[in-house]
Amino acid sequence: MMNRLKGNRCYLCGPMDKARDNGETWRQQIKLDLADLGIIWLDPTHKPTSMAVESVESRRRLADAKQAGDFDYVCEQMRVIRSVDLRLVDVSDFLVVHIDTTTFSFGTIEEISGANRQKKPIIVHVEQGKAETPNWLLGMLPHSMIFSTWAELYGYLRTIAHEPIYDRLRRWQFFSFQETT
């Protein structure tokens, strides 16, 4: 069976800074649940670089620096983190976004905006349900790519991967990079 998503890179976008679990639980779960699709996961909680590592310890150092008024340190650290995360968005083929309307997430907004300008498919899960999607986001993205449950989102990705008619919105572009001689 054809799998259009095999080898595609997906950036896992969503709150980390203010999230209870630093944004790790849902990211680990989606990687397990969709492992059979062969997607290359670009996970900012486990970056494929030694730069811009975000950990409990690094978050504590940032919080301590902010409390001490050492904003130069915070700016320096966050510029590197922002640069690496935005580069991951740049090299991704599509995004899966987790929105929790009770958790403020400034980086998520910039990542979605950048990916949208690049015309990447952006698939969104809203923790509180699709009806609670921020209005601005509904003005940016097709609402048919916004889901209330992970099961719905997974079903959509499986349709994209396997079904003959998969993209009525023309958001997905698949390329064959085979060498020709």
C-alpha atoms as a PDB file:
ATOM      1  CA  MET A   1       0.000   0.000   0.000  1.00  0.00           C
ATOM      2  CA  MET A   2       1.280   3.462  -0.905  1.00  0.00           C
ATOM      3  CA  ASN A   3       2.430   5.694   1.954  1.00  0.00           C
ATOM      4  CA  ARG A   4       2.857   9.298   0.815  1.00  0.00           C
ATOM      5  CA  LEU A   5       4.064  10.412   4.253  1.00  0.00           C
ATOM      6  CA  LYS A   6       6.986   8.002   4.538  1.00  0.00           C
ATOM      7  CA  GLY A   7      10.182  10.030   4.782  1.00  0.00           C
ATOM      8  CA  ASN A   8       8.329  13.347   5.111  1.00  0.00           C
ATOM      9  CA  ARG A   9       9.474  15.622   7.942  1.00  0.00           C
ATOM     10  CA  CYS A  10       6.859  16.769  10.450  1.00  0.00           C
ATOM     11  CA  TYR A  11       7.549  19.521  12.957  1.00  0.00           C
ATOM     12  CA  LEU A  12       5.678  18.972  16.225  1.00  0.00           C
ATOM     13  CA  CYS A  13       4.524  22.445  17.184  1.00  0.00           C
ATOM     14  CA  GLY A  14       2.969  23.449  20.467  1.00  0.00           C
ATOM     15  CA  PRO A  15       3.529  24.899  23.926  1.00  0.00           C
ATOM     16  CA  MET A  16       6.642  23.999  25.863  1.00  0.00           C
ATOM     17  CA  ASP A  17       7.621  26.973  28.010  1.00  0.00           C
ATOM     18  CA  LYS A  18       4.364  27.156  29.980  1.00  0.00           C
ATOM     19  CA  ALA A  19       3.183  23.543  29.486  1.00  0.00           C
ATOM     20  CA  ARG A  20       2.926  21.341  32.588  1.00  0.00           C
ATOM     21  CA  ASP A  21       5.053  18.581  31.068  1.00  0.00           C
ATOM     22  CA  ASN A  22       7.206  20.912  28.939  1.00  0.00           C
ATOM     23  CA  GLY A  23       5.208  19.705  25.941  1.00  0.00           C
ATOM     24  CA  GLU A  24       6.696  16.234  25.883  1.00  0.00           C
ATOM     25  CA  THR A  25       3.763  13.868  26.497  1.00  0.00           C
ATOM     26  CA  TRP A  26       1.711  14.509  23.345  1.00  0.00           C
ATOM     27  CA  ARG A  27       4.844  14.589  21.188  1.00  0.00           C
ATOM     28  CA  GLN A  28       6.035  11.215  22.447  1.00  0.00           C
ATOM     29  CA  GLN A  29       2.542   9.748  22.019  1.00  0.00           C
ATOM     30  CA  ILE A  30       2.081  10.846  18.397  1.00  0.00           C
ATOM     31  CA  LYS A  31       5.502   9.438  17.486  1.00  0.00           C
ATOM     32  CA  LEU A  32       4.479   6.082  18.974  1.00  0.00           C
ATOM     33  CA  ASP A  33       0.940   6.060  17.574  1.00  0.00           C
ATOM     34  CA  LEU A  34       1.999   6.933  14.008  1.00  0.00           C
ATOM     35  CA  ALA A  35       5.345   5.129  13.916  1.00  0.00           C
ATOM     36  CA  ASP A  36       4.072   2.872  11.103  1.00  0.00           C
ATOM     37  CA  LEU A  37       3.815   5.879   8.735  1.00  0.00           C
ATOM     38  CA  GLY A  38       7.602   6.331   8.604  1.00  0.00           C
ATOM     39  CA  ILE A  39       7.424  10.067   9.270  1.00  0.00           C
ATOM     40  CA  ILE A  40      10.616  11.840  10.310  1.00  0.00           C
ATOM     41  CA  TRP A  41       9.640  13.701  13.469  1.00  0.00           C
ATOM     42  CA  LEU A  42      11.197  17.087  14.148  1.00  0.00           C
ATOM     43  CA  ASP A  43      10.596  17.432  17.869  1.00  0.00           C
ATOM     44  CA  PRO A  44      11.700  20.629  19.623  1.00  0.00           C
ATOM     45  CA  THR A  45      11.724  18.789  22.969  1.00  0.00           C
ATOM     46  CA  HIS A  46      14.417  16.493  21.528  1.00  0.00           C
ATOM     47  CA  LYS A  47      16.200  18.629  18.957  1.00  0.00           C
ATOM     48  CA  PRO A  48      18.507  16.938  16.433  1.00  0.00           C
ATOM     49  CA  THR A  49      21.326  19.262  17.515  1.00  0.00           C
ATOM     50  CA  SER A  50      23.357  19.981  20.621  1.00  0.00           C
ATOM     51  CA  MET A  51      22.452  23.666  20.322  1.00  0.00           C
ATOM     52  CA  ALA A  52      19.375  25.166  21.960  1.00  0.00           C
ATOM     53  CA  VAL A  53      18.655  22.225  24.251  1.00  0.00           C
ATOM     54  CA  GLU A  54      15.598  22.896  26.382  1.00  0.00           C
ATOM     55  CA  SER A  55      15.505  20.956  29.620  1.00  0.00           C
ATOM     56  CA  VAL A  56      14.180  21.343  33.143  1.00  0.00           C
ATOM     57  CA  GLU A  57      17.599  22.707  34.136  1.00  0.00           C
ATOM     58  CA  SER A  58      17.844  25.186  31.239  1.00  0.00           C
ATOM     59  CA  ARG A  59      14.304  26.428  31.968  1.00  0.00           C
ATOM     60  CA  ARG A  60      15.238  26.918  35.620  1.00  0.00           C
ATOM     61  CA  ARG A  61      18.311  28.946  34.582  1.00  0.00           C
ATOM     62  CA  LEU A  62      16.143  31.128  32.319  1.00  0.00           C
ATOM     63  CA  ALA A  63      13.581  31.685  35.094  1.00  0.00           C
ATOM     64  CA  ASP A  64      16.315  32.518  37.598  1.00  0.00           C
ATOM     65  CA  ALA A  65      17.932  34.943  35.155  1.00  0.00           C
ATOM     66  CA  LYS A  66      14.595  36.681  34.536  1.00  0.00           C
ATOM     67  CA  GLN A  67      13.965  37.015  38.273  1.00  0.00           C
ATOM     68  CA  ALA A  68      17.467  38.451  38.722  1.00  0.00           C
ATOM     69  CA  GLY A  69      16.883  40.911  35.877  1.00  0.00           C
ATOM     70  CA  ASP A  70      19.537  39.314  33.648  1.00  0.00           C
ATOM     71  CA  PHE A  71      17.582  39.809  30.457  1.00  0.00           C
ATOM     72  CA  ASP A  72      20.759  39.823  28.351  1.00  0.00           C
ATOM     73  CA  TYR A  73      21.267  36.157  29.284  1.00  0.00           C
ATOM     74  CA  VAL A  74      17.622  35.277  28.551  1.00  0.00           C
ATOM     75  CA  CYS A  75      17.711  37.074  25.190  1.00  0.00           C
ATOM     76  CA  GLU A  76      20.972  35.388  24.212  1.00  0.00           C
ATOM     77  CA  GLN A  77      19.665  31.907  25.064  1.00  0.00           C
ATOM     78  CA  MET A  78      16.251  32.430  23.503  1.00  0.00           C
ATOM     79  CA  ARG A  79      17.679  33.796  20.247  1.00  0.00           C
ATOM     80  CA  VAL A  80      19.482  30.496  19.724  1.00  0.00           C
ATOM     81  CA  ILE A  81      16.418  28.430  20.686  1.00  0.00           C
ATOM     82  CA  ARG A  82      14.193  30.523  18.399  1.00  0.00           C
ATOM     83  CA  SER A  83      16.658  30.229  15.524  1.00  0.00           C
ATOM     84  CA  VAL A  84      16.921  26.444  15.800  1.00  0.00           C
ATOM     85  CA  ASP A  85      13.168  25.928  16.184  1.00  0.00           C
ATOM     86  CA  LEU A  86      12.356  28.175  13.212  1.00  0.00           C
ATOM     87  CA  ARG A  87      14.953  26.333  11.137  1.00  0.00           C
ATOM     88  CA  LEU A  88      13.214  23.059  12.019  1.00  0.00           C
ATOM     89  CA  VAL A  89       9.953  24.590  10.758  1.00  0.00           C
ATOM     90  CA  ASP A  90      11.756  25.647   7.559  1.00  0.00           C
ATOM     91  CA  VAL A  91      13.027  22.137   6.798  1.00  0.00           C
ATOM     92  CA  SER A  92       9.754  20.426   7.694  1.00  0.00           C
ATOM     93  CA  ASP A  93       7.285  19.219   5.067  1.00  0.00           C
ATOM     94  CA  PHE A  94       4.278  19.729   7.323  1.00  0.00           C
ATOM     95  CA  LEU A  95       3.338  20.605  10.895  1.00  0.00           C
ATOM     96  CA  VAL A  96       1.213  18.959  13.539  1.00  0.00           C
ATOM     97  CA  VAL A  97       0.195  21.589  16.052  1.00  0.00           C
ATOM     98  CA  HIS A  98      -1.216  21.064  19.526  1.00  0.00           C
ATOM     99  CA  ILE A  99      -3.218  24.012  20.851  1.00  0.00           C
ATOM    100  CA  ASP A 100      -4.262  24.213  24.474  1.00  0.00           C
ATOM    101  CA  THR A 101      -6.218  27.438  24.870  1.00  0.00           C
ATOM    102  CA  THR A 102      -5.317  27.572  28.571  1.00  0.00           C
ATOM    103  CA  THR A 103      -1.567  27.611  27.860  1.00  0.00           C
ATOM    104  CA  PHE A 104       0.016  30.690  26.350  1.00  0.00           C
ATOM    105  CA  SER A 105       2.467  29.776  23.601  1.00  0.00           C
ATOM    106  CA  PHE A 106       4.138  32.628  21.766  1.00  0.00           C
ATOM    107  CA  GLY A 107       6.613  30.482  19.778  1.00  0.00           C
ATOM    108  CA  THR A 108       3.789  28.339  18.431  1.00  0.00           C
ATOM    109  CA  ILE A 109       2.155  31.406  16.909  1.00  0.00           C
ATOM    110  CA  GLU A 110       5.347  32.421  15.092  1.00  0.00           C
ATOM    111  CA  GLU A 111       5.975  28.848  13.898  1.00  0.00           C
ATOM    112  CA  ILE A 112       2.431  28.488  12.520  1.00  0.00           C
ATOM    113  CA  SER A 113       2.680  31.875  10.796  1.00  0.00           C
ATOM    114  CA  GLY A 114       5.998  31.023   9.165  1.00  0.00           C
ATOM    115  CA  ALA A 115       4.813  27.616   7.993  1.00  0.00           C
ATOM    116  CA  ASN A 116       1.592  29.110   6.653  1.00  0.00           C
ATOM    117  CA  ARG A 117       3.540  31.683   4.615  1.00  0.00           C
ATOM    118  CA  GLN A 118       5.523  28.769   3.184  1.00  0.00           C
ATOM    119  CA  LYS A 119       2.227  27.062   2.234  1.00  0.00           C
ATOM    120  CA  LYS A 120       2.989  23.977   4.325  1.00  0.00           C
ATOM    121  CA  PRO A 121       0.135  21.744   5.457  1.00  0.00           C
ATOM    122  CA  ILE A 122      -0.645  22.580   9.085  1.00  0.00           C
ATOM    123  CA  ILE A 123      -2.749  20.053  10.965  1.00  0.00           C
ATOM    124  CA  VAL A 124      -4.091  21.257  14.320  1.00  0.00           C
ATOM    125  CA  HIS A 125      -5.403  19.499  17.414  1.00  0.00           C
ATOM    126  CA  VAL A 126      -7.287  21.772  19.824  1.00  0.00           C
ATOM    127  CA  GLU A 127      -7.318  20.307  23.335  1.00  0.00           C
ATOM    128  CA  GLN A 128     -10.633  21.982  24.219  1.00  0.00           C
ATOM    129  CA  GLY A 129     -12.266  20.985  20.905  1.00  0.00           C
ATOM    130  CA  LYS A 130     -12.508  22.557  17.469  1.00  0.00           C
ATOM    131  CA  ALA A 131     -15.263  24.957  18.613  1.00  0.00           C
ATOM    132  CA  GLU A 132     -12.679  26.596  20.897  1.00  0.00           C
ATOM    133  CA  THR A 133     -10.202  27.249  18.060  1.00  0.00           C
ATOM    134  CA  PRO A 134      -8.943  30.836  18.249  1.00  0.00           C
ATOM    135  CA  ASN A 135     -10.790  32.895  15.630  1.00  0.00           C
ATOM    136  CA  TRP A 136      -7.552  34.240  14.146  1.00  0.00           C
ATOM    137  CA  LEU A 137      -6.393  30.687  13.449  1.00  0.00           C
ATOM    138  CA  LEU A 138      -9.686  29.968  11.659  1.00  0.00           C
ATOM    139  CA  GLY A 139      -8.892  32.934   9.427  1.00  0.00           C
ATOM    140  CA  MET A 140      -5.445  31.491   8.641  1.00  0.00           C
ATOM    141  CA  LEU A 141      -6.053  27.788   8.080  1.00  0.00           C
ATOM    142  CA  PRO A 142      -8.713  25.596   6.473  1.00  0.00           C
ATOM    143  CA  HIS A 143     -10.993  24.495   9.313  1.00  0.00           C
ATOM    144  CA  SER A 144     -11.062  20.975   7.862  1.00  0.00           C
ATOM    145  CA  MET A 145      -7.442  20.609   9.038  1.00  0.00           C
ATOM    146  CA  ILE A 146      -8.386  21.422  12.655  1.00  0.00           C
ATOM    147  CA  PHE A 147      -9.449  18.545  14.913  1.00  0.00           C
ATOM    148  CA  SER A 148     -11.045  18.062  18.322  1.00  0.00           C
ATOM    149  CA  THR A 149      -9.480  14.654  19.000  1.00  0.00           C
ATOM    150  CA  TRP A 150      -6.192  12.952  18.332  1.00  0.00           C
ATOM    151  CA  ALA A 151      -8.103  10.060  16.736  1.00  0.00           C
ATOM    152  CA  GLU A 152      -9.574  12.429  14.133  1.00  0.00           C
ATOM    153  CA  LEU A 153      -6.156  13.940  13.444  1.00  0.00           C
ATOM    154  CA  TYR A 154      -4.573  10.483  13.105  1.00  0.00           C
ATOM    155  CA  GLY A 155      -7.361   9.433  10.729  1.00  0.00           C
ATOM    156  CA  TYR A 156      -6.721  12.496   8.585  1.00  0.00           C
ATOM    157  CA  LEU A 157      -2.975  11.753   8.379  1.00  0.00           C
ATOM    158  CA  ARG A 158      -3.683   8.115   7.506  1.00  0.00           C
ATOM    159  CA  THR A 159      -5.995   9.318   4.709  1.00  0.00           C
ATOM    160  CA  ILE A 160      -3.246  11.597   3.379  1.00  0.00           C
ATOM    161  CA  ALA A 161      -0.782   8.708   3.550  1.00  0.00           C
ATOM    162  CA  HIS A 162      -2.889   5.984   1.928  1.00  0.00           C
ATOM    163  CA  GLU A 163      -6.098   7.061   0.186  1.00  0.00           C
ATOM    164  CA  PRO A 164      -6.299   7.692  -3.590  1.00  0.00           C
ATOM    165  CA  ILE A 165      -8.294  10.905  -3.146  1.00  0.00           C
ATOM    166  CA  TYR A 166      -6.619  12.615  -0.258  1.00  0.00           C
ATOM    167  CA  ASP A 167      -6.402  16.387  -0.663  1.00  0.00           C
ATOM    168  CA  ARG A 168      -9.395  18.323  -1.897  1.00  0.00           C
ATOM    169  CA  LEU A 169      -7.864  21.536  -0.496  1.00  0.00           C
ATOM    170  CA  ARG A 170      -4.625  21.161  -2.476  1.00  0.00           C
ATOM    171  CA  ARG A 171      -2.533  21.813   0.611  1.00  0.00           C
ATOM    172  CA  TRP A 172      -0.252  18.816   0.093  1.00  0.00           C
ATOM    173  CA  GLN A 173       2.475  18.588  -2.561  1.00  0.00           C
ATOM    174  CA  PHE A 174       4.451  15.372  -2.898  1.00  0.00           C
ATOM    175  CA  PHE A 175       7.610  15.195  -4.964  1.00  0.00           C
ATOM    176  CA  SER A 176       9.666  12.342  -6.330  1.00  0.00           C
ATOM    177  CA  PHE A 177      13.362  13.152  -6.057  1.00  0.00           C
ATOM    178  CA  GLN A 178      14.590  10.180  -8.040  1.00  0.00           C
ATOM    179  CA  GLU A 179      17.699  10.763 -10.081  1.00  0.00           C
ATOM    180  CA  THR A 180      17.266  10.868 -13.816  1.00  0.00           C
ATOM    181  CA  THR A 181      20.032  10.171 -16.299  1.00  0.00           C
END
